[in-house]
Amino acid sequence: MPSRSVAPPPLTEPVEDYLKAIYELETRAGAAATSDVAQALNVAPASVTGMIRRLAAQGFVDHEPYRGVQLTPLGRSAALRTIRRHRILETYLTRVLGYPWDKVHDEAERLEHAASDDLIDRMSAALGHPEADPHGAPIPTADGVVDERTHRTLADLNVGESACMVRVSDKNPSLLRYLAEISLQPGALVTLVAKAPFDGPITLRIGNQEQAVGTGLAAQVHVEPVTGTDASEGATASTRPRPRKK
């Protein structure tokens, strides 16, 4: 089990939610605009402004007008602790308790604020220290190390190109259920067969089946291109490239 030094003081649920939201926005855009934080948390912009001031006073964020919010090292560490708890909980719920991947997000959202770091470390050890959650998102280590590589999406592939599906957001249950129905989950091997012009649908080969999907959906599914025998042998457990292996 990973060892920890001095346990950080507990944070309130709203603070953890804000830091996690800012981290996710910052990862995508380099900084988090106040309006984007408000949208992510479904709160009024005025409330975000007040909380950002408090977080800045506590040393969790830096905020420059018109340039957005960025986490300090202290804020980043706190955000990654919450993200680690969330993703370990999702993994435990699916692997041990049999939850479908489209139902674990809300459960993990509720539990992540109550679970202790020690409990999360024990869950991680029981799971074999997984590197990614059921949706392919990388799990931060107990020391705050996380794989932050960016990936292409299905929409970026060229006709004839094959890829391994590595990640999709956990926030849209309907999307997750649909992806499960067409066997498009982390580890699945997929080949882009055809791409209609003018943002038309794209046709994928998933295993031995062909499936047309919209470009909006394709842009949400992150992949790693593969070549050679991996692309020709099909999406079997023995030939799938492992996502996010370090």
C-alpha atoms as a PDB file:
ATOM      1  CA  MET A   1       0.000   0.000   0.000  1.00  0.00           C
ATOM      2  CA  PRO A   2       1.431   3.420  -0.906  1.00  0.00           C
ATOM      3  CA  SER A   3       2.760   5.305   2.088  1.00  0.00           C
ATOM      4  CA  ARG A   4       1.723   8.848   2.863  1.00  0.00           C
ATOM      5  CA  SER A   5       3.549  11.478   4.845  1.00  0.00           C
ATOM      6  CA  VAL A   6       1.465  13.901   6.872  1.00  0.00           C
ATOM      7  CA  ALA A   7      -2.234  13.698   6.056  1.00  0.00           C
ATOM      8  CA  PRO A   8      -3.520  17.014   4.670  1.00  0.00           C
ATOM      9  CA  PRO A   9      -6.352  18.737   6.524  1.00  0.00           C
ATOM     10  CA  PRO A  10      -9.837  17.777   5.317  1.00  0.00           C
ATOM     11  CA  LEU A  11     -11.514  20.148   2.907  1.00  0.00           C
ATOM     12  CA  THR A  12     -15.182  20.974   2.639  1.00  0.00           C
ATOM     13  CA  GLU A  13     -17.249  19.335  -0.079  1.00  0.00           C
ATOM     14  CA  PRO A  14     -17.729  22.600  -2.036  1.00  0.00           C
ATOM     15  CA  VAL A  15     -13.987  23.309  -1.988  1.00  0.00           C
ATOM     16  CA  GLU A  16     -13.214  19.821  -3.301  1.00  0.00           C
ATOM     17  CA  ASP A  17     -15.833  20.198  -6.032  1.00  0.00           C
ATOM     18  CA  TYR A  18     -14.426  23.556  -7.117  1.00  0.00           C
ATOM     19  CA  LEU A  19     -10.826  22.372  -7.185  1.00  0.00           C
ATOM     20  CA  LYS A  20     -11.746  19.268  -9.162  1.00  0.00           C
ATOM     21  CA  ALA A  21     -13.756  21.306 -11.689  1.00  0.00           C
ATOM     22  CA  ILE A  22     -10.947  23.830 -12.094  1.00  0.00           C
ATOM     23  CA  TYR A  23      -8.426  21.039 -12.628  1.00  0.00           C
ATOM     24  CA  GLU A  24     -10.539  19.446 -15.361  1.00  0.00           C
ATOM     25  CA  LEU A  25     -11.099  22.782 -17.120  1.00  0.00           C
ATOM     26  CA  GLU A  26      -7.465  23.795 -16.760  1.00  0.00           C
ATOM     27  CA  THR A  27      -6.326  20.474 -18.227  1.00  0.00           C
ATOM     28  CA  ARG A  28      -8.378  21.136 -21.353  1.00  0.00           C
ATOM     29  CA  ALA A  29      -7.830  24.875 -21.806  1.00  0.00           C
ATOM     30  CA  GLY A  30      -4.824  25.913 -19.715  1.00  0.00           C
ATOM     31  CA  ALA A  31      -6.983  28.020 -17.384  1.00  0.00           C
ATOM     32  CA  ALA A  32     -10.549  27.959 -16.103  1.00  0.00           C
ATOM     33  CA  ALA A  33     -12.858  30.853 -16.904  1.00  0.00           C
ATOM     34  CA  THR A  34     -15.302  31.810 -14.170  1.00  0.00           C
ATOM     35  CA  SER A  35     -18.244  31.207 -16.505  1.00  0.00           C
ATOM     36  CA  ASP A  36     -16.978  27.706 -17.317  1.00  0.00           C
ATOM     37  CA  VAL A  37     -16.623  26.867 -13.626  1.00  0.00           C
ATOM     38  CA  ALA A  38     -20.178  28.069 -13.039  1.00  0.00           C
ATOM     39  CA  GLN A  39     -21.455  25.902 -15.886  1.00  0.00           C
ATOM     40  CA  ALA A  40     -19.494  22.857 -14.743  1.00  0.00           C
ATOM     41  CA  LEU A  41     -20.867  23.098 -11.211  1.00  0.00           C
ATOM     42  CA  ASN A  42     -24.320  24.424 -12.182  1.00  0.00           C
ATOM     43  CA  VAL A  43     -24.044  27.432  -9.891  1.00  0.00           C
ATOM     44  CA  ALA A  44     -24.457  31.170 -10.384  1.00  0.00           C
ATOM     45  CA  PRO A  45     -21.404  33.089 -11.670  1.00  0.00           C
ATOM     46  CA  ALA A  46     -21.613  35.400  -8.652  1.00  0.00           C
ATOM     47  CA  SER A  47     -21.201  32.411  -6.347  1.00  0.00           C
ATOM     48  CA  VAL A  48     -18.148  31.293  -8.309  1.00  0.00           C
ATOM     49  CA  THR A  49     -16.563  34.730  -8.009  1.00  0.00           C
ATOM     50  CA  GLY A  50     -16.910  34.667  -4.240  1.00  0.00           C
ATOM     51  CA  MET A  51     -15.544  31.129  -3.916  1.00  0.00           C
ATOM     52  CA  ILE A  52     -12.594  31.890  -6.200  1.00  0.00           C
ATOM     53  CA  ARG A  53     -11.642  34.781  -3.936  1.00  0.00           C
ATOM     54  CA  ARG A  54     -11.718  32.481  -0.903  1.00  0.00           C
ATOM     55  CA  LEU A  55      -9.711  29.777  -2.674  1.00  0.00           C
ATOM     56  CA  ALA A  56      -7.128  32.356  -3.726  1.00  0.00           C
ATOM     57  CA  ALA A  57      -6.871  33.655  -0.147  1.00  0.00           C
ATOM     58  CA  GLN A  58      -6.277  30.082   1.061  1.00  0.00           C
ATOM     59  CA  GLY A  59      -3.528  29.520  -1.505  1.00  0.00           C
ATOM     60  CA  PHE A  60      -5.381  27.007  -3.689  1.00  0.00           C
ATOM     61  CA  VAL A  61      -5.687  29.083  -6.880  1.00  0.00           C
ATOM     62  CA  ASP A  62      -4.220  32.051  -8.698  1.00  0.00           C
ATOM     63  CA  HIS A  63      -6.714  34.326 -10.393  1.00  0.00           C
ATOM     64  CA  GLU A  64      -5.970  37.116 -12.826  1.00  0.00           C
ATOM     65  CA  PRO A  65      -8.897  39.097 -14.271  1.00  0.00           C
ATOM     66  CA  TYR A  66      -9.617  38.194 -17.896  1.00  0.00           C
ATOM     67  CA  ARG A  67      -7.021  35.400 -17.804  1.00  0.00           C
ATOM     68  CA  GLY A  68      -8.904  32.808 -15.795  1.00  0.00           C
ATOM     69  CA  VAL A  69      -8.165  30.668 -12.766  1.00  0.00           C
ATOM     70  CA  GLN A  70      -5.231  28.291 -12.340  1.00  0.00           C
ATOM     71  CA  LEU A  71      -4.466  25.909  -9.512  1.00  0.00           C
ATOM     72  CA  THR A  72      -1.417  26.464  -7.347  1.00  0.00           C
ATOM     73  CA  PRO A  73       0.674  23.394  -6.425  1.00  0.00           C
ATOM     74  CA  LEU A  74      -1.386  23.186  -3.225  1.00  0.00           C
ATOM     75  CA  GLY A  75      -4.653  23.335  -5.160  1.00  0.00           C
ATOM     76  CA  ARG A  76      -3.484  20.813  -7.733  1.00  0.00           C
ATOM     77  CA  SER A  77      -2.504  18.351  -5.003  1.00  0.00           C
ATOM     78  CA  ALA A  78      -5.907  18.735  -3.337  1.00  0.00           C
ATOM     79  CA  ALA A  79      -7.750  18.339  -6.658  1.00  0.00           C
ATOM     80  CA  LEU A  80      -5.846  15.164  -7.520  1.00  0.00           C
ATOM     81  CA  ARG A  81      -6.660  13.629  -4.121  1.00  0.00           C
ATOM     82  CA  THR A  82     -10.371  14.080  -4.830  1.00  0.00           C
ATOM     83  CA  ILE A  83     -10.018  12.809  -8.405  1.00  0.00           C
ATOM     84  CA  ARG A  84      -8.116   9.761  -7.146  1.00  0.00           C
ATOM     85  CA  ARG A  85     -10.900   8.977  -4.675  1.00  0.00           C
ATOM     86  CA  HIS A  86     -13.543   9.366  -7.385  1.00  0.00           C
ATOM     87  CA  ARG A  87     -11.826   7.137  -9.921  1.00  0.00           C
ATOM     88  CA  ILE A  88     -10.861   4.422  -7.441  1.00  0.00           C
ATOM     89  CA  LEU A  89     -14.464   4.367  -6.210  1.00  0.00           C
ATOM     90  CA  GLU A  90     -15.774   4.028  -9.768  1.00  0.00           C
ATOM     91  CA  THR A  91     -13.369   1.168 -10.397  1.00  0.00           C
ATOM     92  CA  TYR A  92     -14.288  -0.600  -7.166  1.00  0.00           C
ATOM     93  CA  LEU A  93     -18.002  -0.217  -7.819  1.00  0.00           C
ATOM     94  CA  THR A  94     -17.723  -1.765 -11.273  1.00  0.00           C
ATOM     95  CA  ARG A  95     -15.179  -4.506 -10.620  1.00  0.00           C
ATOM     96  CA  VAL A  96     -16.220  -5.648  -7.146  1.00  0.00           C
ATOM     97  CA  LEU A  97     -19.877  -4.670  -6.806  1.00  0.00           C
ATOM     98  CA  GLY A  98     -20.907  -5.159 -10.418  1.00  0.00           C
ATOM     99  CA  TYR A  99     -22.189  -1.647 -11.121  1.00  0.00           C
ATOM    100  CA  PRO A 100     -22.575  -0.891 -14.846  1.00  0.00           C
ATOM    101  CA  TRP A 101     -20.196   1.818 -16.040  1.00  0.00           C
ATOM    102  CA  ASP A 102     -23.057   4.240 -16.755  1.00  0.00           C
ATOM    103  CA  LYS A 103     -24.188   4.299 -13.101  1.00  0.00           C
ATOM    104  CA  VAL A 104     -20.973   4.719 -11.124  1.00  0.00           C
ATOM    105  CA  HIS A 105     -20.343   8.431 -11.646  1.00  0.00           C
ATOM    106  CA  ASP A 106     -23.150   9.713  -9.427  1.00  0.00           C
ATOM    107  CA  GLU A 107     -22.377   7.134  -6.719  1.00  0.00           C
ATOM    108  CA  ALA A 108     -18.705   8.121  -6.743  1.00  0.00           C
ATOM    109  CA  GLU A 109     -19.641  11.812  -6.605  1.00  0.00           C
ATOM    110  CA  ARG A 110     -21.498  11.182  -3.357  1.00  0.00           C
ATOM    111  CA  LEU A 111     -18.877   8.905  -1.813  1.00  0.00           C
ATOM    112  CA  GLU A 112     -15.707  10.772  -2.778  1.00  0.00           C
ATOM    113  CA  HIS A 113     -16.171  13.390  -0.057  1.00  0.00           C
ATOM    114  CA  ALA A 114     -16.720  10.852   2.721  1.00  0.00           C
ATOM    115  CA  ALA A 115     -14.119   8.194   1.893  1.00  0.00           C
ATOM    116  CA  SER A 116     -10.807   8.557   3.676  1.00  0.00           C
ATOM    117  CA  ASP A 117      -7.492   8.380   1.834  1.00  0.00           C
ATOM    118  CA  ASP A 118      -6.672   5.237   3.820  1.00  0.00           C
ATOM    119  CA  LEU A 119      -9.853   3.531   2.615  1.00  0.00           C
ATOM    120  CA  ILE A 120      -9.099   4.548  -0.974  1.00  0.00           C
ATOM    121  CA  ASP A 121      -5.546   3.190  -0.683  1.00  0.00           C
ATOM    122  CA  ARG A 122      -6.907  -0.124   0.583  1.00  0.00           C
ATOM    123  CA  MET A 123      -9.426  -0.277  -2.266  1.00  0.00           C
ATOM    124  CA  SER A 124      -6.644   0.443  -4.739  1.00  0.00           C
ATOM    125  CA  ALA A 125      -4.495  -2.329  -3.289  1.00  0.00           C
ATOM    126  CA  ALA A 126      -7.409  -4.780  -3.404  1.00  0.00           C
ATOM    127  CA  LEU A 127      -7.886  -3.905  -7.092  1.00  0.00           C
ATOM    128  CA  GLY A 128      -4.203  -4.340  -7.909  1.00  0.00           C
ATOM    129  CA  HIS A 129      -3.494  -0.591  -8.133  1.00  0.00           C
ATOM    130  CA  PRO A 130      -5.353   0.078 -11.403  1.00  0.00           C
ATOM    131  CA  GLU A 131      -3.968   2.765 -13.701  1.00  0.00           C
ATOM    132  CA  ALA A 132      -7.320   3.799 -15.197  1.00  0.00           C
ATOM    133  CA  ASP A 133     -10.964   3.855 -14.149  1.00  0.00           C
ATOM    134  CA  PRO A 134     -13.774   2.044 -16.056  1.00  0.00           C
ATOM    135  CA  HIS A 135     -14.054   4.938 -18.512  1.00  0.00           C
ATOM    136  CA  GLY A 136     -10.313   5.025 -19.220  1.00  0.00           C
ATOM    137  CA  ALA A 137      -9.484   8.106 -17.144  1.00  0.00           C
ATOM    138  CA  PRO A 138      -6.029   7.843 -15.528  1.00  0.00           C
ATOM    139  CA  ILE A 139      -6.023   7.342 -11.760  1.00  0.00           C
ATOM    140  CA  PRO A 140      -3.617   9.610  -9.863  1.00  0.00           C
ATOM    141  CA  THR A 141      -1.218   7.809  -7.552  1.00  0.00           C
ATOM    142  CA  ALA A 142      -1.244   8.415  -3.807  1.00  0.00           C
ATOM    143  CA  ASP A 143       1.691  10.772  -4.389  1.00  0.00           C
ATOM    144  CA  GLY A 144      -0.214  12.866  -6.914  1.00  0.00           C
ATOM    145  CA  VAL A 145       1.376  11.538 -10.113  1.00  0.00           C
ATOM    146  CA  VAL A 146      -1.059  11.282 -13.018  1.00  0.00           C
ATOM    147  CA  ASP A 147      -0.847  10.506 -16.720  1.00  0.00           C
ATOM    148  CA  GLU A 148      -1.979  13.709 -18.432  1.00  0.00           C
ATOM    149  CA  ARG A 149      -1.290  12.749 -22.037  1.00  0.00           C
ATOM    150  CA  THR A 150      -3.828  13.937 -24.556  1.00  0.00           C
ATOM    151  CA  HIS A 151      -5.245  11.623 -27.197  1.00  0.00           C
ATOM    152  CA  ARG A 152      -6.838  11.893 -30.580  1.00  0.00           C
ATOM    153  CA  THR A 153     -10.535  11.176 -30.964  1.00  0.00           C
ATOM    154  CA  LEU A 154     -12.421   8.914 -33.327  1.00  0.00           C
ATOM    155  CA  ALA A 155     -13.321  12.016 -35.324  1.00  0.00           C
ATOM    156  CA  ASP A 156      -9.599  12.662 -35.957  1.00  0.00           C
ATOM    157  CA  LEU A 157      -8.913   9.270 -37.549  1.00  0.00           C
ATOM    158  CA  ASN A 158      -8.369   8.862 -41.268  1.00  0.00           C
ATOM    159  CA  VAL A 159     -10.222   6.297 -43.367  1.00  0.00           C
ATOM    160  CA  GLY A 160      -8.530   2.917 -42.967  1.00  0.00           C
ATOM    161  CA  GLU A 161      -6.823   3.883 -39.710  1.00  0.00           C
ATOM    162  CA  SER A 162      -7.212   1.633 -36.662  1.00  0.00           C
ATOM    163  CA  ALA A 163      -7.101   2.631 -33.026  1.00  0.00           C
ATOM    164  CA  CYS A 164      -7.656   1.386 -29.510  1.00  0.00           C
ATOM    165  CA  MET A 165     -10.435   3.116 -27.594  1.00  0.00           C
ATOM    166  CA  VAL A 166      -8.891   4.501 -24.397  1.00  0.00           C
ATOM    167  CA  ARG A 167     -11.227   6.986 -22.763  1.00  0.00           C
ATOM    168  CA  VAL A 168     -14.643   8.655 -22.658  1.00  0.00           C
ATOM    169  CA  SER A 169     -16.216  11.012 -20.139  1.00  0.00           C
ATOM    170  CA  ASP A 170     -18.184   9.418 -17.299  1.00  0.00           C
ATOM    171  CA  LYS A 171     -20.749  12.220 -17.135  1.00  0.00           C
ATOM    172  CA  ASN A 172     -23.300  11.137 -19.778  1.00  0.00           C
ATOM    173  CA  PRO A 173     -25.061   7.879 -18.808  1.00  0.00           C
ATOM    174  CA  SER A 174     -27.035   7.685 -22.070  1.00  0.00           C
ATOM    175  CA  LEU A 175     -23.850   7.938 -24.119  1.00  0.00           C
ATOM    176  CA  LEU A 176     -22.163   5.272 -21.996  1.00  0.00           C
ATOM    177  CA  ARG A 177     -25.095   2.893 -22.386  1.00  0.00           C
ATOM    178  CA  TYR A 178     -25.029   3.360 -26.152  1.00  0.00           C
ATOM    179  CA  LEU A 179     -21.278   2.790 -26.358  1.00  0.00           C
ATOM    180  CA  ALA A 180     -21.667  -0.412 -24.341  1.00  0.00           C
ATOM    181  CA  GLU A 181     -24.397  -1.571 -26.754  1.00  0.00           C
ATOM    182  CA  ILE A 182     -22.033  -1.219 -29.726  1.00  0.00           C
ATOM    183  CA  SER A 183     -19.076  -2.710 -27.778  1.00  0.00           C
ATOM    184  CA  LEU A 184     -17.096   0.529 -27.852  1.00  0.00           C
ATOM    185  CA  GLN A 185     -15.401   0.609 -24.448  1.00  0.00           C
ATOM    186  CA  PRO A 186     -11.791   1.056 -23.287  1.00  0.00           C
ATOM    187  CA  GLY A 187      -9.628  -1.603 -24.889  1.00  0.00           C
ATOM    188  CA  ALA A 188     -11.868  -2.084 -27.940  1.00  0.00           C
ATOM    189  CA  LEU A 189     -10.135  -2.079 -31.309  1.00  0.00           C
ATOM    190  CA  VAL A 190     -11.852   0.033 -33.952  1.00  0.00           C
ATOM    191  CA  THR A 191     -11.165   0.850 -37.608  1.00  0.00           C
ATOM    192  CA  LEU A 192     -12.555   3.860 -39.432  1.00  0.00           C
ATOM    193  CA  VAL A 193     -14.113   2.420 -42.598  1.00  0.00           C
ATOM    194  CA  ALA A 194     -15.735   5.485 -44.156  1.00  0.00           C
ATOM    195  CA  LYS A 195     -16.292   9.166 -43.417  1.00  0.00           C
ATOM    196  CA  ALA A 196     -19.166  11.036 -45.051  1.00  0.00           C
ATOM    197  CA  PRO A 197     -18.464  14.612 -46.208  1.00  0.00           C
ATOM    198  CA  PHE A 198     -19.844  17.786 -44.631  1.00  0.00           C
ATOM    199  CA  ASP A 199     -19.738  16.431 -41.058  1.00  0.00           C
ATOM    200  CA  GLY A 200     -21.778  13.398 -42.026  1.00  0.00           C
ATOM    201  CA  PRO A 201     -21.639  10.130 -40.070  1.00  0.00           C
ATOM    202  CA  ILE A 202     -18.546   7.975 -39.909  1.00  0.00           C
ATOM    203  CA  THR A 203     -18.586   4.205 -40.271  1.00  0.00           C
ATOM    204  CA  LEU A 204     -16.576   2.127 -37.830  1.00  0.00           C
ATOM    205  CA  ARG A 205     -15.622  -1.509 -37.737  1.00  0.00           C
ATOM    206  CA  ILE A 206     -15.752  -2.748 -34.152  1.00  0.00           C
ATOM    207  CA  GLY A 207     -14.744  -6.377 -34.013  1.00  0.00           C
ATOM    208  CA  ASN A 208     -16.636  -8.025 -36.865  1.00  0.00           C
ATOM    209  CA  GLN A 209     -19.445  -5.469 -36.972  1.00  0.00           C
ATOM    210  CA  GLU A 210     -19.781  -2.138 -38.770  1.00  0.00           C
ATOM    211  CA  GLN A 211     -21.483   0.761 -37.028  1.00  0.00           C
ATOM    212  CA  ALA A 212     -22.285   4.307 -38.176  1.00  0.00           C
ATOM    213  CA  VAL A 213     -21.940   7.056 -35.561  1.00  0.00           C
ATOM    214  CA  GLY A 214     -22.268  10.820 -35.638  1.00  0.00           C
ATOM    215  CA  THR A 215     -19.279  13.140 -35.593  1.00  0.00           C
ATOM    216  CA  GLY A 216     -20.430  14.627 -32.285  1.00  0.00           C
ATOM    217  CA  LEU A 217     -20.197  11.241 -30.603  1.00  0.00           C
ATOM    218  CA  ALA A 218     -16.918  10.437 -32.363  1.00  0.00           C
ATOM    219  CA  ALA A 219     -15.356  13.624 -31.006  1.00  0.00           C
ATOM    220  CA  GLN A 220     -16.022  12.442 -27.434  1.00  0.00           C
ATOM    221  CA  VAL A 221     -14.284   9.077 -27.748  1.00  0.00           C
ATOM    222  CA  HIS A 222     -10.514   9.224 -27.223  1.00  0.00           C
ATOM    223  CA  VAL A 223      -8.288   6.701 -28.950  1.00  0.00           C
ATOM    224  CA  GLU A 224      -4.683   5.652 -29.503  1.00  0.00           C
ATOM    225  CA  PRO A 225      -3.834   4.676 -33.103  1.00  0.00           C
ATOM    226  CA  VAL A 226      -2.453   1.153 -33.572  1.00  0.00           C
ATOM    227  CA  THR A 227      -0.679  -0.504 -36.470  1.00  0.00           C
ATOM    228  CA  GLY A 228       0.435  -3.914 -37.663  1.00  0.00           C
ATOM    229  CA  THR A 229      -0.894  -7.116 -36.129  1.00  0.00           C
ATOM    230  CA  ASP A 230      -2.865  -5.274 -33.451  1.00  0.00           C
ATOM    231  CA  ALA A 231      -5.070  -3.782 -36.162  1.00  0.00           C
ATOM    232  CA  SER A 232      -5.471  -6.993 -38.141  1.00  0.00           C
ATOM    233  CA  GLU A 233      -6.171  -9.516 -35.394  1.00  0.00           C
ATOM    234  CA  GLY A 234      -9.343  -7.896 -34.090  1.00  0.00           C
ATOM    235  CA  ALA A 235     -10.429  -6.648 -30.688  1.00  0.00           C
ATOM    236  CA  THR A 236      -9.723  -9.641 -28.515  1.00  0.00           C
ATOM    237  CA  ALA A 237      -8.538  -9.550 -24.950  1.00  0.00           C
ATOM    238  CA  SER A 238      -5.125 -10.888 -25.945  1.00  0.00           C
ATOM    239  CA  THR A 239      -4.452  -8.396 -28.749  1.00  0.00           C
ATOM    240  CA  ARG A 240      -5.921  -5.166 -27.406  1.00  0.00           C
ATOM    241  CA  PRO A 241      -3.249  -2.594 -26.546  1.00  0.00           C
ATOM    242  CA  ARG A 242      -3.498  -1.674 -22.877  1.00  0.00           C
ATOM    243  CA  PRO A 243      -4.533   1.975 -22.559  1.00  0.00           C
ATOM    244  CA  ARG A 244      -2.247   4.372 -20.703  1.00  0.00           C
ATOM    245  CA  LYS A 245       0.432   1.909 -19.845  1.00  0.00           C
ATOM    246  CA  LYS A 246       3.463   3.747 -18.524  1.00  0.00           C
END
